[in-house]
C-alpha cells in the first residue's frame, strides 16, 4: 500500500482557537452584553475561546487579530481601553504576537505600541515597557481527546502499553493507541494514553500523573505544539524506532507536532454479523467475522449536512461506481463519495447519490441496489478507536464534581465514559471507578449504579454524537450545569463533541 498523507495541509478553524490565561490565572473573556473584555473567568468556555487569525508569521512573531466565537474582534482604543466589536480600519484590532521561550505570548497593539495586560480582573493596553503582567499563557481550545502528528516523520504518536513506551511510527491514526487525553493542570500538560497511563520525563508510561508527567507547551497558531520539561529538554522522536522521549538536540524542527482532535474510526457490520472490509486494494466485501485494519473507516461528516464520507485505511473514500458497485477508490471532492445517512436505533442506512441504498448482496459485495431499505441495507456501527468517550457540550465537559452527586455538564475537565458494547449502536456507560451510570426519575444521572443500562449512540458529525438515554429521551446539557435526559427532539444542547 502506497504511503498516504493523512494530515490536512490547511488548519481547520478549531485548530486556530485558544484560551489566553493571564499571570493571575484568569482567562481573557468577552462580555457579550456589555461589549467589553475582562479577565475574571477561571475556566475555558465559549466566551474564553479566541480564534487567532494570522496575516503574517515569522519564527518568533506574527501579525494577528483575535476573533471570538460570535465573530467579533478584540479591539484596542487610543486611550488604552479594550472593547469588543468590528474593526473600523485595516490596522484596528491588529496585534503583534510574540512567542517567548517559556511558552508565553505577548500581544502588542500595532497602532499604539502598547501591550495587552491584566490586573487580575480588568484588561487594558497602557504600557509600552514589557513586564510579567503582559505575559499570556495560550491553552489550545481543542477537545482534549487528541492525536499528535509529526510533520518531519510523517507519522502519528502511538502508545505501546506492552512495553510502556510511545513511538512516532503510525502512518494512519486508526488505532485507539494513537489517541491521547491532554490534561491541563497548574499551567502544565499531562498526556494520558487510551489505557490510562501517562507519559513521563523518563520516556516511559507510568500509572499516575505527577510532576514527572507534567510538560510545558509551546503553541503556534494553526495547531503546532512542542512539549518540554521546563529545564531544557524537548520531547521529540529519537532513534531508528522513533521513540518519543526527552532530548536536548532536536533537528529540523523534530520537536514540533500538529495537534489535532482524535478522528472517528468505525466498523460497519452486516445483518449476518460480517465486517465490511476492503479486499484486493479497492473492492468492498462483507465476508469476515474478524476485525482488521482494512475493516476500519474514518467517519467524515459535516454537522450541518446529513452527507457522509467514509475513508478506508488505504487513503481512499468509498464511492459508487458503474453497475452499482461501491469501491474504495474515491477522491476527497468526488460527488460519488458522499452518502446520505439515515439512523435507525443505533444502526445506519447509507443512501448513494443516485438515491439507492447500499446493501450486501449474496456474494458479500457492497452494492447500491435497493430503492427501499431493508435488513440487507442496515449496518451496525461500532466506534473502533474509542474505548471511552469524553463529552463536551455547550457549557463544558461532562464530569463529576465534589460539590454535587449528579453528573455535571459544565466542567473544565472531563470524566472518561467507558463504552461497553452491548449490541449494534447500543452501549453500557461505565464510570472510571468501574460502576455504571444510573438515571433518576428526574432524568438526571449518577455515576455509581450497580446495573448496566442501555444508551444508544448516533453519530451526527465527524466528532459529534447524540445519546438516547434509557428513559427514551435525548441527553442534553443544561445552563444550570446539570446533565439531563429530557429532550424528545435533537436540539443544539443535545449535540455532544467527543
Protein backbone atom coordinates (compact mmCIF):
# COMPACT_ATOMS: atom_id res chain seq x y z
CA UNK A 1 0.00 0.00 0.00
CA UNK A 2 1.36 3.39 -1.00
CA UNK A 3 2.19 5.85 1.74
CA UNK A 4 -0.79 8.08 2.49
CA UNK A 5 -0.58 11.65 3.78
CA UNK A 6 -3.35 11.77 6.37
CA UNK A 7 -2.88 15.18 7.94
CA UNK A 8 -4.55 18.23 6.43
CA UNK A 9 -2.46 20.80 4.59
CA UNK A 10 -4.51 23.71 5.92
CA UNK A 11 -5.69 24.03 9.53
CA UNK A 12 -9.36 23.93 10.40
CA UNK A 13 -10.91 26.79 12.42
CA UNK A 14 -10.79 24.78 15.67
CA UNK A 15 -7.00 24.37 15.24
CA UNK A 16 -6.65 28.17 15.47
CA UNK A 17 -8.62 28.57 18.72
CA UNK A 18 -7.05 29.12 22.12
CA UNK A 19 -7.82 30.40 25.57
CA UNK A 20 -5.46 33.06 26.93
CA UNK A 21 -4.55 32.85 30.61
CA UNK A 22 -3.23 35.92 32.45
CA UNK A 23 -0.47 35.97 35.06
CA UNK A 24 -3.24 35.77 37.69
CA UNK A 25 -4.61 32.50 36.27
CA UNK A 26 -7.81 34.00 34.81
CA UNK A 27 -8.94 33.78 31.18
CA UNK A 28 -9.41 36.59 28.68
CA UNK A 29 -13.21 36.77 28.37
CA UNK A 30 -15.59 38.74 26.18
CA UNK A 31 -18.68 40.06 27.94
CA UNK A 32 -21.43 39.58 25.39
CA UNK A 33 -23.97 42.09 26.67
CA UNK A 34 -21.52 44.84 27.63
CA UNK A 35 -19.29 44.65 24.52
CA UNK A 36 -16.31 44.69 26.87
CA UNK A 37 -13.42 42.37 27.72
CA UNK A 38 -12.29 41.18 31.16
CA UNK A 39 -10.07 38.50 32.73
CA UNK A 40 -12.10 37.01 35.55
CA UNK A 41 -13.11 33.50 34.42
CA UNK A 42 -11.29 30.55 35.94
CA UNK A 43 -12.17 28.03 33.20
CA UNK A 44 -12.10 27.74 29.42
CA UNK A 45 -15.58 28.09 27.92
CA UNK A 46 -17.11 29.54 24.77
CA UNK A 47 -16.64 33.16 25.93
CA UNK A 48 -12.99 32.45 26.74
CA UNK A 49 -12.24 30.98 23.31
CA UNK A 50 -10.47 33.11 20.70
CA UNK A 51 -9.63 32.34 17.10
CA UNK A 52 -6.15 33.55 16.15
CA UNK A 53 -6.30 34.98 12.63
CA UNK A 54 -2.77 35.25 11.23
CA UNK A 55 -1.95 37.64 8.41
CA UNK A 56 1.85 37.38 8.60
CA UNK A 57 4.02 34.96 10.58
CA UNK A 58 7.76 34.56 11.21
CA UNK A 59 9.79 32.34 13.52
CA UNK A 60 9.19 34.29 16.74
CA UNK A 61 6.26 36.57 15.96
CA UNK A 62 3.10 37.01 13.92
CA UNK A 63 0.64 39.74 13.00
CA UNK A 64 -2.77 38.62 14.26
CA UNK A 65 -6.34 39.51 15.11
CA UNK A 66 -8.34 37.84 17.91
CA UNK A 67 -11.88 36.86 16.97
CA UNK A 68 -14.49 35.41 19.31
CA UNK A 69 -16.86 32.55 18.51
CA UNK A 70 -19.54 35.22 17.91
CA UNK A 71 -17.48 36.66 15.07
CA UNK A 72 -16.49 39.92 16.83
CA UNK A 73 -12.94 41.12 17.47
CA UNK A 74 -10.77 42.26 20.35
CA UNK A 75 -10.13 45.98 19.72
CA UNK A 76 -7.72 48.40 21.38
CA UNK A 77 -8.72 52.08 21.51
CA UNK A 78 -6.47 55.14 21.58
CA UNK A 79 -6.91 55.65 25.35
CA UNK A 80 -5.70 52.10 26.07
CA UNK A 81 -9.15 50.69 26.78
CA UNK A 82 -10.33 47.48 25.14
CA UNK A 83 -13.67 46.76 23.55
CA UNK A 84 -15.32 44.08 21.53
CA UNK A 85 -16.71 44.67 18.04
CA UNK A 86 -15.74 45.11 14.40
CA UNK A 87 -12.54 46.84 13.16
CA UNK A 88 -13.01 50.33 11.75
CA UNK A 89 -9.72 50.45 9.82
CA UNK A 90 -7.26 47.95 8.31
CA UNK A 91 -4.99 48.08 11.41
CA UNK A 92 -7.71 48.41 14.05
CA UNK A 93 -7.61 45.27 16.19
CA UNK A 94 -4.21 44.10 14.91
CA UNK A 95 -1.63 42.87 17.42
CA UNK A 96 1.98 41.81 17.13
CA UNK A 97 2.05 38.37 18.72
CA UNK A 98 5.47 37.34 20.07
CA UNK A 99 6.33 33.77 21.06
CA UNK A 100 8.61 33.61 24.10
CA UNK A 101 10.95 30.76 25.01
CA UNK A 102 9.00 29.99 28.20
CA UNK A 103 5.88 29.26 26.10
CA UNK A 104 4.18 32.58 26.96
CA UNK A 105 2.70 35.00 24.46
CA UNK A 106 2.67 38.80 24.43
CA UNK A 107 0.28 40.88 22.33
CA UNK A 108 1.33 44.39 21.33
CA UNK A 109 -1.19 46.76 19.75
CA UNK A 110 0.08 47.73 16.27
CA UNK A 111 -1.38 51.25 16.42
CA UNK A 112 -0.30 52.35 19.92
CA UNK A 113 2.66 50.03 20.58
CA UNK A 114 1.17 49.16 24.00
CA UNK A 115 0.96 45.63 25.40
CA UNK A 116 -2.18 43.73 26.34
CA UNK A 117 -2.21 43.24 30.12
CA UNK A 118 -4.46 42.41 33.03
CA UNK A 119 -4.58 43.45 36.67
CA UNK A 120 -6.31 40.17 37.53
CA UNK A 121 -9.77 41.42 36.57
CA UNK A 122 -9.72 44.24 34.01
CA UNK A 123 -7.85 44.14 30.70
CA UNK A 124 -6.23 47.13 29.00
CA UNK A 125 -3.30 48.32 26.86
CA UNK A 126 -1.39 51.01 28.79
CA UNK A 127 2.33 50.24 28.91
CA UNK A 128 5.00 50.11 26.20
CA UNK A 129 7.53 48.57 28.63
CA UNK A 130 7.32 44.76 28.71
CA UNK A 131 6.78 43.08 32.08
CA UNK A 132 5.43 39.85 33.59
CA UNK A 133 1.93 41.37 33.64
CA UNK A 134 1.91 41.29 29.83
CA UNK A 135 2.53 37.56 29.59
CA UNK A 136 -0.33 35.30 28.49
CA UNK A 137 -0.35 31.51 28.50
CA UNK A 138 -2.06 30.03 25.43
CA UNK A 139 -4.21 26.95 26.00
CA UNK A 140 -5.50 25.09 22.91
CA UNK A 141 -9.30 25.11 22.90
CA UNK A 142 -9.38 21.81 21.02
CA UNK A 143 -11.30 18.91 22.56
CA UNK A 144 -8.98 17.10 24.99
CA UNK A 145 -9.02 13.79 23.04
CA UNK A 146 -6.23 14.43 20.53
CA UNK A 147 -3.67 12.89 18.19
CA UNK A 148 -0.10 14.10 17.65
CA UNK A 149 1.28 14.21 14.10
CA UNK A 150 4.97 14.67 13.34
CA UNK A 151 5.29 16.64 10.06
CA UNK A 152 9.01 15.75 9.89
CA UNK A 153 8.49 12.00 10.17
CA UNK A 154 5.01 11.91 8.57
CA UNK A 155 3.71 9.65 11.34
CA UNK A 156 1.49 9.81 14.41
CA UNK A 157 2.39 9.12 18.02
CA UNK A 158 1.29 5.67 19.21
CA UNK A 159 1.28 4.38 22.77
CA UNK A 160 2.62 0.86 23.29
CA UNK A 161 1.29 -0.32 26.68
CA UNK A 162 3.04 -3.67 26.31
CA UNK A 163 6.48 -2.11 26.70
CA UNK A 164 5.37 1.14 28.36
CA UNK A 165 6.61 3.44 25.58
CA UNK A 166 5.31 5.87 22.99
CA UNK A 167 6.53 5.61 19.39
CA UNK A 168 6.01 8.02 16.50
CA UNK A 169 5.51 5.36 13.84
CA UNK A 170 1.81 5.15 12.91
CA UNK A 171 1.21 6.25 9.28
CA UNK A 172 -2.59 6.06 9.73
CA UNK A 173 -4.23 7.20 13.02
CA UNK A 174 -6.89 4.47 13.10
CA UNK A 175 -5.79 2.68 16.28
CA UNK A 176 -7.07 3.55 19.75
CA UNK A 177 -3.40 3.72 20.84
CA UNK A 178 -2.97 6.87 18.68
CA UNK A 179 -5.43 8.80 20.84
CA UNK A 180 -4.32 10.76 23.92
CA UNK A 181 -6.13 12.80 26.54
CA UNK A 182 -4.46 16.18 27.01
CA UNK A 183 -4.96 17.22 30.65
CA UNK A 184 -4.25 20.82 31.65
CA UNK A 185 -3.33 21.40 35.28
CA UNK A 186 -1.43 24.22 37.00
CA UNK A 187 -0.13 25.58 33.71
CA UNK A 188 1.25 22.22 32.54
CA UNK A 189 0.01 19.36 30.39
CA UNK A 190 -0.23 15.61 31.07
CA UNK A 191 -0.55 13.11 28.19
CA UNK A 192 -2.81 10.18 29.09
CA UNK A 193 -2.99 7.11 26.84
CA UNK A 194 -6.04 5.05 25.88
CA UNK A 195 -5.12 2.60 28.66
CA UNK A 196 -4.93 5.45 31.22
CA UNK A 197 -1.16 5.58 31.60
CA UNK A 198 0.83 8.83 31.50
CA UNK A 199 3.94 9.74 29.54
CA UNK A 200 6.76 10.65 31.94
CA UNK A 201 10.03 12.56 31.73
CA UNK A 202 11.79 9.16 31.85
CA UNK A 203 10.34 8.29 28.40
CA UNK A 204 8.15 5.59 29.96
CA UNK A 205 4.47 5.23 30.74
CA UNK A 206 3.50 5.44 34.40
CA UNK A 207 0.20 4.76 36.14
CA UNK A 208 -0.36 8.10 37.90
CA UNK A 209 0.09 11.79 36.97
CA UNK A 210 2.78 13.67 38.90
CA UNK A 211 5.40 16.38 38.44
CA UNK A 212 7.28 13.80 36.35
CA UNK A 213 4.43 13.66 33.83
CA UNK A 214 3.95 17.46 33.62
CA UNK A 215 5.09 19.09 30.37
CA UNK A 216 5.28 22.72 29.33
CA UNK A 217 3.78 23.52 25.95
CA UNK A 218 4.78 25.99 23.28
CA UNK A 219 1.88 26.83 20.98
CA UNK A 220 1.82 28.31 17.49
CA UNK A 221 -1.34 29.38 15.61
CA UNK A 222 -2.61 26.54 13.45
CA UNK A 223 -2.17 23.71 15.93
CA UNK A 224 1.63 23.44 16.10
CA UNK A 225 2.83 22.49 19.60
CA UNK A 226 6.12 21.50 21.26
CA UNK A 227 6.38 19.89 24.70
CA UNK A 228 9.27 20.33 27.13
CA UNK A 229 10.19 19.55 30.74
CA UNK A 230 10.89 23.22 31.51
CA UNK A 231 14.59 22.51 32.10
CA UNK A 232 15.86 22.45 28.53
CA UNK A 233 14.63 19.01 27.47
CA UNK A 234 12.32 18.80 24.45
CA UNK A 235 10.01 15.92 23.57
CA UNK A 236 10.73 14.52 20.08
CA UNK A 237 11.12 11.18 18.20
CA UNK A 238 14.55 9.60 18.65
CA UNK A 239 16.48 6.67 17.26
CA UNK A 240 15.65 4.35 14.38
CA UNK A 241 12.37 3.29 16.01
CA UNK A 242 11.32 6.90 16.70
CA UNK A 243 10.88 6.59 20.46
CA UNK A 244 9.14 9.68 21.85
CA UNK A 245 11.39 10.96 24.62
CA UNK A 246 13.12 13.99 26.07
CA UNK A 247 16.32 15.22 24.48
CA UNK A 248 18.32 18.39 24.05
CA UNK A 249 19.20 18.40 20.35
CA UNK A 250 16.20 18.04 18.00
CA UNK A 251 16.97 18.51 14.30
CA UNK A 252 14.93 20.17 11.55
CA UNK A 253 12.03 21.01 13.83
CA UNK A 254 11.55 17.44 15.13
CA UNK A 255 10.10 18.80 18.37
CA UNK A 256 7.05 20.29 16.63
CA UNK A 257 3.82 18.31 16.36
CA UNK A 258 0.49 19.15 14.78
CA UNK A 259 -2.16 18.80 17.48
CA UNK A 260 -5.47 17.53 16.08
CA UNK A 261 -8.63 16.20 17.64
CA UNK A 262 -8.89 12.44 17.61
CA UNK A 263 -10.62 11.25 14.41
CA UNK A 264 -13.59 8.90 14.48
CA UNK A 265 -12.99 5.44 13.04
CA UNK A 266 -15.86 2.98 12.78
CA UNK A 267 -16.53 -0.56 11.65
CA UNK A 268 -19.65 -1.50 9.68
CA UNK A 269 -21.31 -4.85 10.26
CA UNK A 270 -23.95 -6.54 8.11
CA UNK A 271 -27.05 -8.34 9.36
CA UNK A 272 -25.03 -11.58 9.05
CA UNK A 273 -22.52 -10.11 11.55
CA UNK A 274 -19.81 -9.84 8.88
CA UNK A 275 -17.48 -6.83 8.87
CA UNK A 276 -17.34 -4.71 5.74
CA UNK A 277 -13.68 -4.81 4.60
CA UNK A 278 -11.50 -3.62 1.74
CA UNK A 279 -10.07 -6.55 -0.24
CA UNK A 280 -7.78 -6.58 -3.28
CA UNK A 281 -6.91 -2.91 -2.59
CA UNK A 282 -10.26 -1.37 -3.62
CA UNK A 283 -13.09 -3.92 -3.53
CA UNK A 284 -15.56 -3.96 -0.64
CA UNK A 285 -16.88 -7.19 0.79
CA UNK A 286 -18.67 -8.27 3.98
CA UNK A 287 -17.25 -11.77 4.47
CA UNK A 288 -15.13 -11.76 7.63
CA UNK A 289 -16.10 -12.17 11.26
CA UNK A 290 -12.72 -10.78 12.31
CA UNK A 291 -11.94 -7.08 12.59
CA UNK A 292 -8.77 -5.94 10.79
CA UNK A 293 -7.31 -2.55 9.89
CA UNK A 294 -8.91 -2.87 6.44
CA UNK A 295 -12.30 -3.11 8.19
CA UNK A 296 -11.93 0.38 9.65
CA UNK A 297 -13.33 3.54 8.07
CA UNK A 298 -12.83 7.14 9.06
CA UNK A 299 -16.22 8.78 9.62
CA UNK A 300 -16.19 12.24 7.99
CA UNK A 301 -19.36 14.29 8.14
CA UNK A 302 -20.24 17.98 8.30
CA UNK A 303 -22.51 18.77 11.26
CA UNK A 304 -24.71 20.94 9.01
CA UNK A 305 -25.23 18.23 6.40
CA UNK A 306 -26.53 14.63 6.50
CA UNK A 307 -23.93 13.66 3.90
CA UNK A 308 -21.21 11.26 4.98
CA UNK A 309 -17.84 10.22 3.58
CA UNK A 310 -16.12 7.01 4.65
CA UNK A 311 -12.37 6.88 4.20
CA UNK A 312 -10.68 3.48 4.27
CA UNK A 313 -7.21 2.76 5.62
CA UNK A 314 -5.89 2.74 2.03
CA UNK A 315 -6.43 6.51 1.98
CA UNK A 316 -9.34 6.48 -0.47
CA UNK A 317 -13.04 7.05 0.01
CA UNK A 318 -15.96 4.74 -0.63
CA UNK A 319 -17.54 5.73 -3.94
CA UNK A 320 -20.37 4.46 -6.11
CA UNK A 321 -19.09 3.24 -9.47
CA UNK A 322 -20.55 1.70 -12.61
CA UNK A 323 -23.07 -1.15 -12.38
CA UNK A 324 -24.00 -0.01 -8.86
CA UNK A 325 -20.71 -1.27 -7.43
CA UNK A 326 -19.22 0.56 -4.45
CA UNK A 327 -15.43 0.72 -4.40
CA UNK A 328 -12.78 2.16 -2.07
CA UNK A 329 -11.08 4.28 -4.73
CA UNK A 330 -12.73 7.69 -4.37
CA UNK A 331 -11.05 11.08 -4.02
CA UNK A 332 -11.99 13.72 -1.41
CA UNK A 333 -14.12 16.03 -3.56
CA UNK A 334 -15.80 13.46 -5.80
CA UNK A 335 -19.59 13.74 -5.68
CA UNK A 336 -19.90 9.93 -5.79
CA UNK A 337 -18.16 9.67 -2.39
CA UNK A 338 -20.98 11.44 -0.50
CA UNK A 339 -23.66 9.24 1.03
CA UNK A 340 -26.75 10.36 2.88
CA UNK A 341 -27.04 8.72 6.31
CA UNK A 342 -30.28 7.65 7.98
CA UNK A 343 -30.15 6.42 11.58
CA UNK A 344 -32.45 3.75 12.97
CA UNK A 345 -31.96 2.94 16.68
CA UNK A 346 -28.18 2.90 16.54
CA UNK A 347 -27.97 1.32 13.09
CA UNK A 348 -27.43 3.17 9.84
CA UNK A 349 -28.70 3.17 6.25
CA UNK A 350 -26.44 4.72 3.58
CA UNK A 351 -28.06 6.25 0.51
CA UNK A 352 -25.92 6.76 -2.59
CA UNK A 353 -26.01 9.89 -4.82
CA UNK A 354 -28.40 8.12 -7.24
CA UNK A 355 -30.92 7.59 -4.42
CA UNK A 356 -30.34 3.87 -3.97
CA UNK A 357 -29.33 2.34 -0.66
CA UNK A 358 -26.10 0.46 -0.05
CA UNK A 359 -26.53 -3.18 0.80
CA UNK A 360 -24.78 -6.54 0.87
CA UNK A 361 -25.69 -8.90 -2.00
CA UNK A 362 -25.49 -12.69 -1.99
CA UNK A 363 -21.76 -12.89 -2.79
CA UNK A 364 -20.93 -10.45 0.03
CA UNK A 365 -20.11 -7.46 -2.18
CA UNK A 366 -21.32 -3.94 -1.39
CA UNK A 367 -23.76 -2.61 -3.98
CA UNK A 368 -26.15 0.34 -4.34
CA UNK A 369 -29.18 -1.69 -5.37
CA UNK A 370 -32.30 -1.05 -3.35
CA UNK A 371 -34.72 1.86 -3.65
CA UNK A 372 -36.32 0.87 -0.32
CA UNK A 373 -34.01 -0.05 2.58
CA UNK A 374 -34.41 -3.39 4.30
CA UNK A 375 -32.38 -5.68 6.58
CA UNK A 376 -29.65 -6.14 3.93
CA UNK A 377 -29.15 -2.36 3.81
CA UNK A 378 -28.88 -1.89 7.56
CA UNK A 379 -25.40 -1.68 9.10
CA UNK A 380 -24.35 -1.84 12.70
CA UNK A 381 -21.86 0.89 13.59
CA UNK A 382 -19.17 0.36 16.21
CA UNK A 383 -16.72 3.03 17.40
CA UNK A 384 -13.47 1.26 16.54
CA UNK A 385 -10.84 3.56 18.07
CA UNK A 386 -12.77 4.79 21.11
CA UNK A 387 -12.74 2.51 24.17
CA UNK A 388 -14.08 5.56 26.01
CA UNK A 389 -15.56 8.94 25.18
CA UNK A 390 -15.16 12.37 26.77
CA UNK A 391 -18.22 14.52 26.07
CA UNK A 392 -18.19 18.31 25.63
CA UNK A 393 -21.40 20.30 25.22
CA UNK A 394 -22.39 23.96 25.04
CA UNK A 395 -21.40 24.66 28.65
CA UNK A 396 -18.36 22.44 29.16
CA UNK A 397 -17.37 18.82 29.67
CA UNK A 398 -19.42 16.06 31.27
CA UNK A 399 -17.92 15.03 34.59
CA UNK A 400 -18.33 14.76 38.32
CA UNK A 401 -17.94 17.48 40.93
CA UNK A 402 -17.11 17.21 44.62
CA UNK A 403 -19.90 19.70 45.27
CA UNK A 404 -22.70 17.62 43.70
CA UNK A 405 -23.59 13.94 43.45
CA UNK A 406 -25.18 14.35 39.99
CA UNK A 407 -23.29 14.28 36.69
CA UNK A 408 -22.46 17.81 35.56
CA UNK A 409 -22.07 19.25 32.05
CA UNK A 410 -20.10 22.45 32.77
CA UNK A 411 -16.74 21.03 33.87
CA UNK A 412 -13.33 22.30 32.75
CA UNK A 413 -12.00 18.71 32.54
CA UNK A 414 -13.98 15.59 31.53
CA UNK A 415 -14.55 12.23 33.15
CA UNK A 416 -13.95 9.29 30.82
CA UNK A 417 -17.06 7.31 29.95
CA UNK A 418 -16.00 3.75 29.18
CA UNK A 419 -18.04 2.16 26.41
CA UNK A 420 -19.12 -1.46 26.82
CA UNK A 421 -20.72 -2.52 23.50
CA UNK A 422 -24.00 -4.33 24.13
CA UNK A 423 -25.34 -4.69 20.59
CA UNK A 424 -25.18 -2.65 17.39
CA UNK A 425 -25.17 1.04 18.37
CA UNK A 426 -26.08 0.28 22.00
CA UNK A 427 -23.55 0.74 24.79
CA UNK A 428 -23.35 0.49 28.55
CA UNK A 429 -21.79 3.61 30.15
CA UNK A 430 -19.23 2.74 32.79
CA UNK A 431 -17.66 5.29 35.13
CA UNK A 432 -13.92 5.42 35.81
CA UNK A 433 -14.27 3.51 39.08
CA UNK A 434 -15.98 0.55 37.40
CA UNK A 435 -19.57 1.34 38.42
CA UNK A 436 -22.29 2.07 35.83
CA UNK A 437 -24.23 5.19 35.01
CA UNK A 438 -27.69 5.26 36.59
CA UNK A 439 -30.61 7.55 35.80
CA UNK A 440 -33.08 9.09 38.23
CA UNK A 441 -36.80 9.69 37.76
CA UNK A 442 -35.97 13.36 37.07
CA UNK A 443 -33.75 12.49 34.10
CA UNK A 444 -30.50 13.24 35.93
CA UNK A 445 -27.52 10.87 36.19
CA UNK A 446 -25.30 9.40 38.88
CA UNK A 447 -22.05 7.52 38.17
CA UNK A 448 -22.29 4.75 40.79
CA UNK A 449 -25.06 2.44 39.59
CA UNK A 450 -24.84 -1.32 40.14
CA UNK A 451 -26.61 -2.37 36.94
CA UNK A 452 -25.70 -1.66 33.31
CA UNK A 453 -28.21 0.44 31.35
CA UNK A 454 -28.55 0.80 27.59
CA UNK A 455 -27.51 4.04 25.88
CA UNK A 456 -27.95 4.47 22.12
CA UNK A 457 -25.22 6.48 20.34
CA UNK A 458 -25.82 8.04 16.92
CA UNK A 459 -23.07 9.98 15.12
CA UNK A 460 -24.10 13.43 13.89
CA UNK A 461 -20.75 14.66 12.55
CA UNK A 462 -17.07 13.78 12.32
CA UNK A 463 -16.69 14.27 16.08
CA UNK A 464 -20.30 14.85 17.12
CA UNK A 465 -22.91 12.50 18.53
CA UNK A 466 -26.25 12.28 20.27
CA UNK A 467 -27.14 9.95 23.13
CA UNK A 468 -30.58 8.41 23.60
CA UNK A 469 -30.82 7.65 27.31
CA UNK A 470 -32.54 4.61 28.90
CA UNK A 471 -35.65 6.69 29.65
CA UNK A 472 -36.24 7.28 25.92
CA UNK A 473 -35.15 10.96 25.91
CA UNK A 474 -32.07 12.55 24.43
CA UNK A 475 -29.31 13.55 26.80
CA UNK A 476 -28.65 17.31 26.81
CA UNK A 477 -26.62 19.97 28.54
CA UNK A 478 -28.45 22.45 30.73
CA UNK A 479 -27.46 26.02 31.57
CA UNK A 480 -27.68 25.14 35.26
CA UNK A 481 -24.76 22.75 34.82
CA UNK A 482 -26.75 19.57 35.46
CA UNK A 483 -26.73 16.83 32.81
CA UNK A 484 -30.31 15.93 31.83
CA UNK A 485 -32.15 13.42 29.65
CA UNK A 486 -35.49 15.09 28.94
CA UNK A 487 -35.47 16.15 25.28
CA UNK A 488 -37.83 14.48 22.79
CA UNK A 489 -36.12 16.16 19.82
CA UNK A 490 -32.49 16.75 18.89
CA UNK A 491 -31.64 20.36 19.77
CA UNK A 492 -28.28 22.15 19.91
CA UNK A 493 -27.97 21.21 23.56
CA UNK A 494 -28.27 17.50 22.61
CA UNK A 495 -25.19 17.60 20.34
CA UNK A 496 -22.01 16.40 22.04
CA UNK A 497 -18.44 16.75 20.83
CA UNK A 498 -16.38 13.67 21.61
